[in-house]
Structures are given as structure tokens and as C-alpha cells.
Amino acid sequence: MPCALKICGVTRPQDIDACCELGVDAIGINLWRGSPRGVALDVAVALVERVSTPGPAVVAVVVDPDEDELDAIVAALRLDAVQLHGTRDASCYPRLSAPHVRVVRGTPPLAGLAALGAPRWILLDAAVPGFGGRGVVHDWDWAAQARATLAPVPVWLAGGLDPGNAARAIDCVAPHGIDVASGAEDGVPGEKSRAKIAALRSICDRTPNLR
């Protein structure tokens, strides 16, 4: 089946529209203030209101929010999942009512991956300062082993993906989907390129994600 595509760190209405029109499977809205792609909650609300129904899944990207902050995000946005970065996992948020995406950064021991709970999916990302979007490519050989270890939980791949390497990454790792931030831009964080989104969608459509 075709590999799914998530465009992360969307900040502009026109990029929401492009994602919807081009058949992107998921959109990431970054609410972490420390990110160049981070947006305020009121901006996120306006962006999410533009997402067509049916359309891409909406994922709120957060980094160690306190519980009240996370409650406010979930209450304000029409979400399909919350992507949890940082040191806190879903067990730290007993009131969390939305499905969550568990992020695994770097290449930790494979034996420890079985204790990740029951997320909607698991995102494998490169270990970089700032929690992603830096264009650093993951270790695809390790990611392929992790994807097999974590089955049947869906595994998505992030880390330095762009139209130039996405097909090779999908062929090597066979992820359920790929998550792209800087690789869908022309150099300005948060400003997506419609041409690159279209190219990534085409690559995902023609590259099977299962061996």
C-alpha cells in the first residue's frame, strides 16, 4: 500500500490548503514556543479550521506541556492525535482524551521499545537539538529493525526526509508513513513548498511501504 505522508510544522493557511488539495494524510501543528515553526494556540485554531472534512489527520506537536496546557490544546483544537516530545510520555497525562503519538529519538536499545504503551503510532526521529525539523537524517538500518520490533504498531519515520531521499528511506525502512518538516520547505522554517509537498505525495504513492 502507498506510504502515508505527514507534513509537520505547518504555519500558514495556504499550506494547509495545499496539504488538503494534494492528499496529505496528516498535518502537524507545532505548539512548542521554542520551535521556529511553533504557533500560538489561537493561530493553531484558525489553521485547523481550514482543514477539510474528510481530510488530513490533525496532530498537535507539543514538548513537555503541563497538564492544564495540554488540556487547553485538546479542548481548543479538532485533533486526531497529540505528538508528545520531551521527557513526559502519555502516562504523565492521566486526563489526556486524545490519541497520542509516541516519539522515539535517536537509536535506543531495541529491547526497550516493547514498553512504549499503545500509541496511535510511533514516530522514529533523529536525536537533534530542538526536537526535529533540523534536516538530520535518521539511521535507516536501525529504523528498519525498530519497525519490525514494534509491529503491529504503525511506525512512521522522520529525520531529514525530502523529495531527494524519501523513496530510498521508504524502501529501506518500510514505514507506515513519513513525517517531513524542513524537507517540504525552500529554506524558510514553516513556509511550505507546494511543489515539494506534491513531489513527496507522488513518491509516497508510488513507493510501497510494506515488504
N, C-alpha and C. Protein backbone atom coordinates (compact mmCIF):
# COMPACT_ATOMS: atom_id res chain seq x y z
N MET A 1 0.84 -1.19 0.00
CA MET A 1 0.00 0.00 0.00
C MET A 1 0.88 1.24 0.00
N PRO A 2 0.37 2.37 -0.48
CA PRO A 2 1.20 3.58 -0.51
C PRO A 2 1.62 4.01 0.89
N CYS A 3 2.78 4.59 0.98
CA CYS A 3 3.27 5.13 2.24
C CYS A 3 2.49 6.41 2.57
N ALA A 4 2.09 6.56 3.82
CA ALA A 4 1.38 7.76 4.25
C ALA A 4 2.36 8.93 4.36
N LEU A 5 1.81 10.14 4.30
CA LEU A 5 2.63 11.35 4.34
C LEU A 5 2.07 12.33 5.37
N LYS A 6 2.94 12.78 6.28
CA LYS A 6 2.60 13.84 7.22
C LYS A 6 3.52 15.03 6.96
N ILE A 7 2.93 16.20 6.82
CA ILE A 7 3.69 17.44 6.69
C ILE A 7 3.61 18.14 8.04
N CYS A 8 4.76 18.34 8.67
CA CYS A 8 4.79 18.85 10.04
C CYS A 8 5.32 20.28 10.08
N GLY A 9 4.85 21.02 11.09
CA GLY A 9 5.28 22.39 11.26
C GLY A 9 4.63 23.33 10.27
N VAL A 10 3.34 23.09 9.98
CA VAL A 10 2.60 23.97 9.07
C VAL A 10 2.19 25.23 9.84
N THR A 11 2.43 26.39 9.24
CA THR A 11 2.16 27.66 9.93
C THR A 11 1.27 28.61 9.14
N ARG A 12 1.04 28.31 7.85
CA ARG A 12 0.33 29.27 7.00
C ARG A 12 -0.95 28.66 6.44
N PRO A 13 -2.00 29.48 6.31
CA PRO A 13 -3.26 28.96 5.75
C PRO A 13 -3.09 28.35 4.37
N GLN A 14 -2.29 28.98 3.51
CA GLN A 14 -2.14 28.45 2.15
C GLN A 14 -1.48 27.08 2.15
N ASP A 15 -0.67 26.80 3.15
CA ASP A 15 -0.03 25.48 3.22
C ASP A 15 -1.00 24.42 3.73
N ILE A 16 -1.90 24.81 4.62
CA ILE A 16 -2.99 23.91 5.00
C ILE A 16 -3.80 23.55 3.75
N ASP A 17 -4.14 24.56 2.95
CA ASP A 17 -4.92 24.32 1.74
C ASP A 17 -4.18 23.38 0.79
N ALA A 18 -2.88 23.60 0.62
CA ALA A 18 -2.10 22.75 -0.27
C ALA A 18 -2.09 21.31 0.21
N CYS A 19 -1.92 21.11 1.51
CA CYS A 19 -1.91 19.76 2.06
C CYS A 19 -3.25 19.06 1.80
N CYS A 20 -4.34 19.77 1.99
CA CYS A 20 -5.66 19.19 1.76
C CYS A 20 -5.86 18.87 0.28
N GLU A 21 -5.49 19.78 -0.59
CA GLU A 21 -5.69 19.59 -2.02
C GLU A 21 -4.81 18.49 -2.60
N LEU A 22 -3.63 18.28 -2.03
CA LEU A 22 -2.68 17.31 -2.57
C LEU A 22 -2.80 15.94 -1.92
N GLY A 23 -3.73 15.76 -1.00
CA GLY A 23 -3.97 14.43 -0.42
C GLY A 23 -2.98 14.02 0.64
N VAL A 24 -2.42 14.99 1.37
CA VAL A 24 -1.55 14.65 2.50
C VAL A 24 -2.38 13.93 3.56
N ASP A 25 -1.78 12.94 4.21
CA ASP A 25 -2.52 12.12 5.17
C ASP A 25 -2.61 12.74 6.55
N ALA A 26 -1.64 13.54 6.95
CA ALA A 26 -1.65 14.14 8.28
C ALA A 26 -0.89 15.46 8.24
N ILE A 27 -1.33 16.39 9.09
CA ILE A 27 -0.72 17.71 9.22
C ILE A 27 -0.30 17.90 10.67
N GLY A 28 0.93 18.35 10.88
CA GLY A 28 1.40 18.63 12.23
C GLY A 28 1.40 20.12 12.51
N ILE A 29 0.74 20.52 13.60
CA ILE A 29 0.73 21.90 14.04
C ILE A 29 1.57 21.98 15.31
N ASN A 30 2.66 22.72 15.24
CA ASN A 30 3.64 22.76 16.33
C ASN A 30 3.25 23.86 17.33
N LEU A 31 3.03 23.48 18.58
CA LEU A 31 2.65 24.43 19.62
C LEU A 31 3.77 24.65 20.63
N TRP A 32 4.98 24.24 20.29
CA TRP A 32 6.13 24.45 21.18
C TRP A 32 6.74 25.81 20.88
N ARG A 33 6.82 26.66 21.89
CA ARG A 33 7.31 28.03 21.71
C ARG A 33 8.77 28.08 21.29
N GLY A 34 9.52 27.04 21.57
CA GLY A 34 10.94 27.03 21.24
C GLY A 34 11.24 26.66 19.80
N SER A 35 10.22 26.37 19.00
CA SER A 35 10.44 25.97 17.62
C SER A 35 10.23 27.14 16.67
N PRO A 36 11.05 27.26 15.61
CA PRO A 36 10.78 28.30 14.61
C PRO A 36 9.48 28.06 13.86
N ARG A 37 8.92 26.87 14.00
CA ARG A 37 7.63 26.55 13.39
C ARG A 37 6.49 26.56 14.41
N GLY A 38 6.79 26.98 15.63
CA GLY A 38 5.77 27.00 16.68
C GLY A 38 4.78 28.12 16.46
N VAL A 39 3.51 27.85 16.74
CA VAL A 39 2.46 28.87 16.62
C VAL A 39 1.69 28.94 17.94
N ALA A 40 1.07 30.08 18.19
CA ALA A 40 0.23 30.25 19.36
C ALA A 40 -1.07 29.47 19.17
N LEU A 41 -1.75 29.20 20.27
CA LEU A 41 -2.95 28.37 20.22
C LEU A 41 -4.03 29.01 19.35
N ASP A 42 -4.20 30.33 19.40
CA ASP A 42 -5.23 30.95 18.59
C ASP A 42 -4.92 30.83 17.10
N VAL A 43 -3.64 30.88 16.74
CA VAL A 43 -3.24 30.66 15.35
C VAL A 43 -3.52 29.22 14.95
N ALA A 44 -3.20 28.28 15.85
CA ALA A 44 -3.46 26.87 15.58
C ALA A 44 -4.95 26.62 15.34
N VAL A 45 -5.80 27.26 16.13
CA VAL A 45 -7.25 27.10 15.96
C VAL A 45 -7.67 27.53 14.55
N ALA A 46 -7.16 28.68 14.10
CA ALA A 46 -7.51 29.18 12.77
C ALA A 46 -7.00 28.25 11.67
N LEU A 47 -5.81 27.69 11.86
CA LEU A 47 -5.27 26.75 10.87
C LEU A 47 -6.10 25.48 10.80
N VAL A 48 -6.43 24.94 11.95
CA VAL A 48 -7.18 23.69 11.97
C VAL A 48 -8.57 23.87 11.38
N GLU A 49 -9.15 25.04 11.54
CA GLU A 49 -10.48 25.29 10.96
C GLU A 49 -10.47 25.23 9.44
N ARG A 50 -9.30 25.38 8.82
CA ARG A 50 -9.20 25.30 7.36
C ARG A 50 -9.09 23.87 6.85
N VAL A 51 -8.84 22.92 7.73
CA VAL A 51 -8.64 21.54 7.29
C VAL A 51 -9.97 20.97 6.83
N SER A 52 -9.98 20.42 5.63
CA SER A 52 -11.21 19.90 5.05
C SER A 52 -11.66 18.63 5.77
N THR A 53 -12.96 18.35 5.67
CA THR A 53 -13.53 17.13 6.24
C THR A 53 -14.31 16.39 5.16
N PRO A 54 -13.95 15.15 4.77
CA PRO A 54 -12.77 14.44 5.29
C PRO A 54 -11.49 15.06 4.74
N GLY A 55 -10.43 14.86 5.46
CA GLY A 55 -9.16 15.43 5.05
C GLY A 55 -8.04 14.86 5.88
N PRO A 56 -6.90 15.54 5.92
CA PRO A 56 -5.76 15.04 6.68
C PRO A 56 -6.05 14.95 8.17
N ALA A 57 -5.44 13.99 8.83
CA ALA A 57 -5.47 13.94 10.29
C ALA A 57 -4.72 15.15 10.83
N VAL A 58 -5.20 15.69 11.94
CA VAL A 58 -4.58 16.85 12.56
C VAL A 58 -3.85 16.41 13.83
N VAL A 59 -2.56 16.71 13.89
CA VAL A 59 -1.72 16.29 15.01
C VAL A 59 -1.13 17.54 15.67
N ALA A 60 -1.36 17.69 16.97
CA ALA A 60 -0.75 18.78 17.73
C ALA A 60 0.61 18.31 18.23
N VAL A 61 1.64 19.06 17.93
CA VAL A 61 3.01 18.72 18.34
C VAL A 61 3.34 19.54 19.58
N VAL A 62 3.67 18.86 20.67
CA VAL A 62 3.94 19.52 21.94
C VAL A 62 5.22 18.98 22.55
N VAL A 63 5.84 19.79 23.41
CA VAL A 63 7.05 19.37 24.12
C VAL A 63 6.84 19.59 25.61
N ASP A 64 6.68 18.53 26.34
CA ASP A 64 6.54 18.55 27.80
C ASP A 64 5.60 19.64 28.32
N PRO A 65 4.38 19.73 27.80
CA PRO A 65 3.45 20.72 28.36
C PRO A 65 3.01 20.28 29.75
N ASP A 66 2.56 21.24 30.58
CA ASP A 66 1.95 20.79 31.82
C ASP A 66 0.53 20.31 31.49
N GLU A 67 -0.11 19.65 32.44
CA GLU A 67 -1.37 19.00 32.13
C GLU A 67 -2.46 20.00 31.76
N ASP A 68 -2.49 21.15 32.44
CA ASP A 68 -3.50 22.16 32.12
C ASP A 68 -3.30 22.70 30.70
N GLU A 69 -2.05 22.91 30.32
CA GLU A 69 -1.77 23.41 28.97
C GLU A 69 -2.22 22.40 27.92
N LEU A 70 -1.93 21.13 28.17
CA LEU A 70 -2.34 20.10 27.22
C LEU A 70 -3.86 19.98 27.16
N ASP A 71 -4.52 20.07 28.29
CA ASP A 71 -5.99 20.06 28.31
C ASP A 71 -6.55 21.18 27.44
N ALA A 72 -5.95 22.37 27.54
CA ALA A 72 -6.43 23.52 26.77
C ALA A 72 -6.24 23.30 25.28
N ILE A 73 -5.12 22.70 24.90
CA ILE A 73 -4.86 22.42 23.49
C ILE A 73 -5.88 21.43 22.94
N VAL A 74 -6.10 20.35 23.67
CA VAL A 74 -7.05 19.33 23.22
C VAL A 74 -8.46 19.88 23.14
N ALA A 75 -8.83 20.74 24.10
CA ALA A 75 -10.18 21.32 24.11
C ALA A 75 -10.39 22.29 22.96
N ALA A 76 -9.32 23.01 22.57
CA ALA A 76 -9.47 24.08 21.58
C ALA A 76 -9.40 23.58 20.14
N LEU A 77 -8.71 22.47 19.91
CA LEU A 77 -8.45 22.03 18.55
C LEU A 77 -9.21 20.75 18.21
N ARG A 78 -9.59 20.63 16.95
CA ARG A 78 -10.17 19.39 16.44
C ARG A 78 -9.00 18.48 16.06
N LEU A 79 -8.64 17.61 16.99
CA LEU A 79 -7.41 16.82 16.85
C LEU A 79 -7.70 15.35 16.58
N ASP A 80 -6.77 14.74 15.86
CA ASP A 80 -6.77 13.29 15.71
C ASP A 80 -5.72 12.64 16.61
N ALA A 81 -4.72 13.42 17.01
CA ALA A 81 -3.68 12.88 17.89
C ALA A 81 -2.84 14.02 18.44
N VAL A 82 -2.16 13.73 19.55
CA VAL A 82 -1.18 14.63 20.14
C VAL A 82 0.18 13.96 20.06
N GLN A 83 1.16 14.64 19.48
CA GLN A 83 2.50 14.09 19.33
C GLN A 83 3.35 14.59 20.49
N LEU A 84 3.75 13.67 21.37
CA LEU A 84 4.40 14.02 22.63
C LEU A 84 5.92 13.93 22.50
N HIS A 85 6.56 15.08 22.52
CA HIS A 85 8.02 15.14 22.55
C HIS A 85 8.48 15.50 23.96
N GLY A 86 9.73 15.17 24.26
CA GLY A 86 10.31 15.55 25.54
C GLY A 86 10.43 14.36 26.47
N THR A 87 10.43 14.66 27.77
CA THR A 87 10.67 13.63 28.77
C THR A 87 9.40 12.99 29.31
N ARG A 88 8.24 13.58 29.01
CA ARG A 88 6.97 13.07 29.53
C ARG A 88 6.26 12.23 28.48
N ASP A 89 5.81 11.05 28.89
CA ASP A 89 5.03 10.23 27.97
C ASP A 89 3.56 10.31 28.36
N ALA A 90 2.72 9.52 27.70
CA ALA A 90 1.27 9.60 27.90
C ALA A 90 0.87 9.28 29.34
N SER A 91 1.67 8.48 30.04
CA SER A 91 1.33 8.12 31.42
C SER A 91 1.38 9.34 32.34
N CYS A 92 2.05 10.41 31.90
CA CYS A 92 2.13 11.64 32.70
C CYS A 92 0.89 12.51 32.55
N TYR A 93 -0.02 12.11 31.67
CA TYR A 93 -1.21 12.91 31.40
C TYR A 93 -2.47 12.06 31.55
N PRO A 94 -2.85 11.77 32.78
CA PRO A 94 -4.00 10.86 33.00
C PRO A 94 -5.30 11.41 32.45
N ARG A 95 -5.41 12.73 32.23
CA ARG A 95 -6.64 13.30 31.69
C ARG A 95 -6.64 13.37 30.16
N LEU A 96 -5.57 12.94 29.51
CA LEU A 96 -5.47 13.07 28.07
C LEU A 96 -6.56 12.25 27.39
N SER A 97 -7.41 12.93 26.62
CA SER A 97 -8.54 12.26 25.98
C SER A 97 -8.29 11.98 24.51
N ALA A 98 -7.23 12.53 23.94
CA ALA A 98 -6.92 12.31 22.53
C ALA A 98 -5.91 11.19 22.37
N PRO A 99 -5.95 10.46 21.26
CA PRO A 99 -4.88 9.50 20.98
C PRO A 99 -3.53 10.21 20.94
N HIS A 100 -2.47 9.47 21.21
CA HIS A 100 -1.16 10.11 21.20
C HIS A 100 -0.20 9.42 20.25
N VAL A 101 0.77 10.19 19.80
CA VAL A 101 1.89 9.68 19.01
C VAL A 101 3.11 9.67 19.90
N ARG A 102 3.73 8.51 20.02
CA ARG A 102 4.93 8.39 20.85
C ARG A 102 6.15 8.63 19.97
N VAL A 103 7.06 9.47 20.40
CA VAL A 103 8.27 9.80 19.64
C VAL A 103 9.46 9.08 20.24
N VAL A 104 10.21 8.39 19.40
CA VAL A 104 11.47 7.75 19.80
C VAL A 104 12.59 8.47 19.07
N ARG A 105 13.46 9.12 19.84
CA ARG A 105 14.55 9.89 19.26
C ARG A 105 15.85 9.10 19.30
N GLY A 106 16.60 9.18 18.21
CA GLY A 106 17.88 8.50 18.18
C GLY A 106 17.74 7.01 17.97
N THR A 107 18.69 6.26 18.53
CA THR A 107 18.72 4.81 18.33
C THR A 107 18.87 4.08 19.66
N PRO A 108 17.86 4.15 20.53
CA PRO A 108 17.96 3.46 21.81
C PRO A 108 17.94 1.95 21.62
N PRO A 109 18.29 1.17 22.66
CA PRO A 109 18.28 -0.29 22.53
C PRO A 109 16.92 -0.80 22.07
N LEU A 110 16.93 -1.69 21.09
CA LEU A 110 15.68 -2.21 20.54
C LEU A 110 14.87 -2.95 21.59
N ALA A 111 15.54 -3.58 22.52
CA ALA A 111 14.83 -4.38 23.53
C ALA A 111 13.90 -3.53 24.38
N GLY A 112 14.19 -2.24 24.51
CA GLY A 112 13.35 -1.39 25.34
C GLY A 112 12.14 -0.82 24.64
N LEU A 113 12.00 -1.06 23.34
CA LEU A 113 10.91 -0.45 22.59
C LEU A 113 9.57 -1.09 22.87
N ALA A 114 9.57 -2.30 23.39
CA ALA A 114 8.31 -3.01 23.61
C ALA A 114 7.48 -2.37 24.72
N ALA A 115 8.06 -1.50 25.52
CA ALA A 115 7.35 -0.93 26.67
C ALA A 115 6.81 0.47 26.39
N LEU A 116 6.43 0.73 25.15
CA LEU A 116 6.00 2.07 24.77
C LEU A 116 4.50 2.29 24.87
N GLY A 117 3.76 1.34 25.43
CA GLY A 117 2.33 1.54 25.60
C GLY A 117 1.57 1.30 24.31
N ALA A 118 0.44 1.99 24.13
CA ALA A 118 -0.42 1.76 22.98
C ALA A 118 -0.73 3.07 22.27
N PRO A 119 0.26 3.68 21.63
CA PRO A 119 0.02 4.93 20.92
C PRO A 119 -0.71 4.69 19.60
N ARG A 120 -1.22 5.77 19.01
CA ARG A 120 -1.83 5.65 17.68
C ARG A 120 -0.77 5.24 16.67
N TRP A 121 0.40 5.85 16.77
CA TRP A 121 1.55 5.36 16.02
C TRP A 121 2.81 5.81 16.75
N ILE A 122 3.95 5.26 16.34
CA ILE A 122 5.25 5.62 16.90
C ILE A 122 6.06 6.31 15.82
N LEU A 123 6.66 7.43 16.18
CA LEU A 123 7.47 8.21 15.25
C LEU A 123 8.93 8.05 15.61
N LEU A 124 9.71 7.58 14.65
CA LEU A 124 11.16 7.46 14.83
C LEU A 124 11.81 8.72 14.27
N ASP A 125 12.54 9.44 15.12
CA ASP A 125 13.12 10.71 14.72
C ASP A 125 14.59 10.75 15.10
N ALA A 126 15.36 11.53 14.37
CA ALA A 126 16.77 11.72 14.70
C ALA A 126 16.89 12.51 16.00
N ALA A 127 17.93 12.24 16.75
CA ALA A 127 18.18 12.96 18.01
C ALA A 127 18.94 14.24 17.70
N VAL A 128 18.22 15.36 17.72
CA VAL A 128 18.83 16.65 17.41
C VAL A 128 18.33 17.69 18.41
N PRO A 129 19.07 18.77 18.61
CA PRO A 129 18.57 19.86 19.46
C PRO A 129 17.30 20.46 18.84
N GLY A 130 16.31 20.74 19.67
CA GLY A 130 15.13 21.40 19.16
C GLY A 130 14.02 20.49 18.72
N PHE A 131 14.16 19.19 18.91
CA PHE A 131 13.06 18.25 18.67
C PHE A 131 12.59 18.25 17.22
N GLY A 132 13.51 18.05 16.28
CA GLY A 132 13.13 17.82 14.90
C GLY A 132 13.17 19.06 14.04
N GLY A 133 12.97 18.83 12.73
CA GLY A 133 12.94 19.92 11.78
C GLY A 133 14.30 20.51 11.46
N ARG A 134 15.37 19.78 11.76
CA ARG A 134 16.73 20.28 11.52
C ARG A 134 17.38 19.65 10.29
N GLY A 135 16.69 18.76 9.62
CA GLY A 135 17.23 18.16 8.41
C GLY A 135 18.27 17.10 8.64
N VAL A 136 18.33 16.52 9.84
CA VAL A 136 19.31 15.47 10.15
C VAL A 136 18.69 14.12 9.84
N VAL A 137 19.35 13.34 9.00
CA VAL A 137 18.83 12.05 8.56
C VAL A 137 18.99 11.01 9.66
N HIS A 138 17.95 10.21 9.85
CA HIS A 138 17.97 9.14 10.83
C HIS A 138 18.84 7.98 10.33
N ASP A 139 19.13 7.04 11.22
CA ASP A 139 19.82 5.80 10.87
C ASP A 139 18.75 4.83 10.34
N TRP A 140 18.67 4.70 9.03
CA TRP A 140 17.60 3.91 8.44
C TRP A 140 17.73 2.42 8.73
N ASP A 141 18.94 1.91 8.84
CA ASP A 141 19.10 0.49 9.15
C ASP A 141 18.53 0.20 10.54
N TRP A 142 18.83 1.06 11.51
CA TRP A 142 18.26 0.89 12.86
C TRP A 142 16.75 1.05 12.81
N ALA A 143 16.27 2.02 12.04
CA ALA A 143 14.84 2.26 11.96
C ALA A 143 14.10 1.06 11.38
N ALA A 144 14.69 0.38 10.42
CA ALA A 144 14.06 -0.82 9.86
C ALA A 144 13.94 -1.91 10.92
N GLN A 145 14.98 -2.06 11.75
CA GLN A 145 14.90 -3.05 12.83
C GLN A 145 13.85 -2.65 13.86
N ALA A 146 13.77 -1.36 14.16
CA ALA A 146 12.78 -0.88 15.12
C ALA A 146 11.37 -1.08 14.60
N ARG A 147 11.16 -0.82 13.31
CA ARG A 147 9.84 -1.03 12.72
C ARG A 147 9.41 -2.48 12.84
N ALA A 148 10.33 -3.40 12.62
CA ALA A 148 10.00 -4.82 12.76
C ALA A 148 9.75 -5.19 14.22
N THR A 149 10.53 -4.62 15.13
CA THR A 149 10.37 -4.90 16.55
C THR A 149 9.03 -4.41 17.08
N LEU A 150 8.58 -3.26 16.58
CA LEU A 150 7.37 -2.63 17.09
C LEU A 150 6.09 -3.15 16.45
N ALA A 151 6.18 -3.91 15.39
CA ALA A 151 4.98 -4.43 14.73
C ALA A 151 4.10 -5.17 15.75
N PRO A 152 2.77 -4.99 15.66
CA PRO A 152 1.99 -4.38 14.58
C PRO A 152 1.68 -2.90 14.78
N VAL A 153 2.28 -2.22 15.77
CA VAL A 153 2.03 -0.79 15.94
C VAL A 153 2.57 -0.05 14.72
N PRO A 154 1.78 0.85 14.11
CA PRO A 154 2.29 1.59 12.95
C PRO A 154 3.51 2.43 13.33
N VAL A 155 4.50 2.42 12.47
CA VAL A 155 5.73 3.17 12.69
C VAL A 155 5.92 4.17 11.55
N TRP A 156 6.12 5.43 11.92
CA TRP A 156 6.40 6.49 10.95
C TRP A 156 7.86 6.90 11.11
N LEU A 157 8.43 7.39 10.02
CA LEU A 157 9.85 7.78 10.00
C LEU A 157 9.98 9.28 9.76
N ALA A 158 10.80 9.95 10.58
CA ALA A 158 11.14 11.35 10.40
C ALA A 158 12.67 11.47 10.36
N GLY A 159 13.14 12.69 10.15
CA GLY A 159 14.57 12.94 10.20
C GLY A 159 15.19 13.18 8.84
N GLY A 160 15.26 14.43 8.41
CA GLY A 160 15.98 14.78 7.20
C GLY A 160 15.40 14.25 5.91
N LEU A 161 14.10 13.98 5.88
CA LEU A 161 13.48 13.45 4.66
C LEU A 161 13.07 14.60 3.74
N ASP A 162 13.26 14.36 2.44
CA ASP A 162 12.90 15.36 1.44
C ASP A 162 12.64 14.63 0.13
N PRO A 163 12.24 15.35 -0.93
CA PRO A 163 11.96 14.65 -2.18
C PRO A 163 13.16 13.92 -2.78
N GLY A 164 14.37 14.29 -2.37
CA GLY A 164 15.55 13.64 -2.91
C GLY A 164 15.89 12.30 -2.28
N ASN A 165 15.42 12.05 -1.05
CA ASN A 165 15.79 10.79 -0.39
C ASN A 165 14.60 9.99 0.13
N ALA A 166 13.39 10.51 -0.01
CA ALA A 166 12.24 9.85 0.59
C ALA A 166 12.02 8.45 0.03
N ALA A 167 12.18 8.27 -1.27
CA ALA A 167 11.96 6.95 -1.86
C ALA A 167 12.94 5.93 -1.30
N ARG A 168 14.21 6.32 -1.15
CA ARG A 168 15.21 5.40 -0.60
C ARG A 168 14.90 5.08 0.86
N ALA A 169 14.45 6.07 1.62
CA ALA A 169 14.10 5.83 3.02
C ALA A 169 12.94 4.85 3.15
N ILE A 170 11.92 5.05 2.33
CA ILE A 170 10.75 4.16 2.38
C ILE A 170 11.15 2.75 1.98
N ASP A 171 11.99 2.64 0.96
CA ASP A 171 12.43 1.32 0.51
C ASP A 171 13.25 0.61 1.58
N CYS A 172 14.06 1.36 2.33
CA CYS A 172 14.93 0.77 3.35
C CYS A 172 14.17 0.41 4.61
N VAL A 173 13.30 1.32 5.08
CA VAL A 173 12.66 1.15 6.40
C VAL A 173 11.29 0.51 6.31
N ALA A 174 10.58 0.71 5.19
CA ALA A 174 9.21 0.26 5.03
C ALA A 174 8.30 0.79 6.14
N PRO A 175 8.31 2.10 6.40
CA PRO A 175 7.46 2.64 7.46
C PRO A 175 6.01 2.73 7.01
N HIS A 176 5.12 2.86 7.97
CA HIS A 176 3.72 3.13 7.64
C HIS A 176 3.58 4.49 6.97
N GLY A 177 4.39 5.44 7.44
CA GLY A 177 4.34 6.78 6.87
C GLY A 177 5.63 7.52 7.10
N ILE A 178 5.80 8.65 6.42
CA ILE A 178 6.94 9.52 6.63
C ILE A 178 6.45 10.87 7.13
N ASP A 179 7.28 11.52 7.96
CA ASP A 179 6.94 12.79 8.59
C ASP A 179 8.00 13.80 8.16
N VAL A 180 7.57 14.86 7.45
CA VAL A 180 8.51 15.79 6.83
C VAL A 180 8.22 17.21 7.30
N ALA A 181 9.26 17.91 7.73
CA ALA A 181 9.13 19.31 8.13
C ALA A 181 10.00 20.17 7.21
N SER A 182 11.31 20.28 7.49
CA SER A 182 12.17 21.15 6.69
C SER A 182 12.28 20.67 5.25
N GLY A 183 12.12 19.37 5.02
CA GLY A 183 12.24 18.82 3.67
C GLY A 183 11.10 19.19 2.75
N ALA A 184 10.06 19.84 3.30
CA ALA A 184 8.95 20.33 2.48
C ALA A 184 8.99 21.85 2.37
N GLU A 185 10.17 22.44 2.64
CA GLU A 185 10.33 23.88 2.62
C GLU A 185 11.44 24.29 1.66
N ASP A 186 11.46 25.57 1.31
CA ASP A 186 12.54 26.11 0.47
C ASP A 186 13.49 26.98 1.28
N GLY A 187 13.65 26.65 2.56
CA GLY A 187 14.64 27.34 3.37
C GLY A 187 14.10 28.21 4.47
N VAL A 188 12.82 28.54 4.43
CA VAL A 188 12.22 29.37 5.48
C VAL A 188 11.39 28.47 6.38
N PRO A 189 11.77 28.30 7.66
CA PRO A 189 11.03 27.40 8.54
C PRO A 189 9.55 27.76 8.63
N GLY A 190 8.71 26.77 8.40
CA GLY A 190 7.27 26.97 8.50
C GLY A 190 6.60 27.35 7.20
N GLU A 191 7.36 27.77 6.20
CA GLU A 191 6.78 28.13 4.91
C GLU A 191 6.98 26.96 3.95
N LYS A 192 5.89 26.22 3.70
CA LYS A 192 5.99 25.00 2.91
C LYS A 192 5.98 25.31 1.42
N SER A 193 6.57 24.40 0.68
CA SER A 193 6.62 24.48 -0.78
C SER A 193 5.56 23.53 -1.35
N ARG A 194 4.60 24.08 -2.08
CA ARG A 194 3.58 23.24 -2.69
C ARG A 194 4.22 22.21 -3.63
N ALA A 195 5.25 22.63 -4.36
CA ALA A 195 5.92 21.71 -5.29
C ALA A 195 6.56 20.54 -4.54
N LYS A 196 7.17 20.81 -3.40
CA LYS A 196 7.80 19.73 -2.65
C LYS A 196 6.77 18.83 -1.99
N ILE A 197 5.67 19.40 -1.52
CA ILE A 197 4.59 18.56 -0.97
C ILE A 197 4.06 17.63 -2.07
N ALA A 198 3.84 18.18 -3.26
CA ALA A 198 3.36 17.37 -4.38
C ALA A 198 4.35 16.27 -4.74
N ALA A 199 5.64 16.60 -4.73
CA ALA A 199 6.66 15.60 -5.05
C ALA A 199 6.68 14.49 -4.01
N LEU A 200 6.57 14.86 -2.73
CA LEU A 200 6.55 13.86 -1.66
C LEU A 200 5.31 12.98 -1.77
N ARG A 201 4.17 13.59 -2.08
CA ARG A 201 2.94 12.80 -2.24
C ARG A 201 3.09 11.79 -3.37
N SER A 202 3.69 12.22 -4.48
CA SER A 202 3.91 11.33 -5.62
C SER A 202 4.85 10.18 -5.25
N ILE A 203 5.91 10.49 -4.51
CA ILE A 203 6.85 9.45 -4.09
C ILE A 203 6.15 8.44 -3.19
N CYS A 204 5.37 8.92 -2.23
CA CYS A 204 4.67 8.01 -1.33
C CYS A 204 3.68 7.14 -2.08
N ASP A 205 3.02 7.70 -3.08
CA ASP A 205 2.02 6.94 -3.83
C ASP A 205 2.63 5.82 -4.65
N ARG A 206 3.85 6.02 -5.10
CA ARG A 206 4.45 5.01 -5.98
C ARG A 206 5.46 4.11 -5.26
N THR A 207 5.68 4.34 -3.96
CA THR A 207 6.66 3.55 -3.21
C THR A 207 5.95 2.73 -2.15
N PRO A 208 5.77 1.42 -2.35
CA PRO A 208 5.09 0.60 -1.33
C PRO A 208 5.81 0.69 0.00
N ASN A 209 5.03 0.70 1.11
CA ASN A 209 5.64 0.84 2.42
C ASN A 209 5.75 -0.47 3.17
N LEU A 210 5.32 -1.56 2.56
CA LEU A 210 5.41 -2.86 3.22
C LEU A 210 6.19 -3.82 2.33
N ARG A 211 7.09 -4.59 2.96
CA ARG A 211 7.91 -5.53 2.21
C ARG A 211 7.08 -6.73 1.75
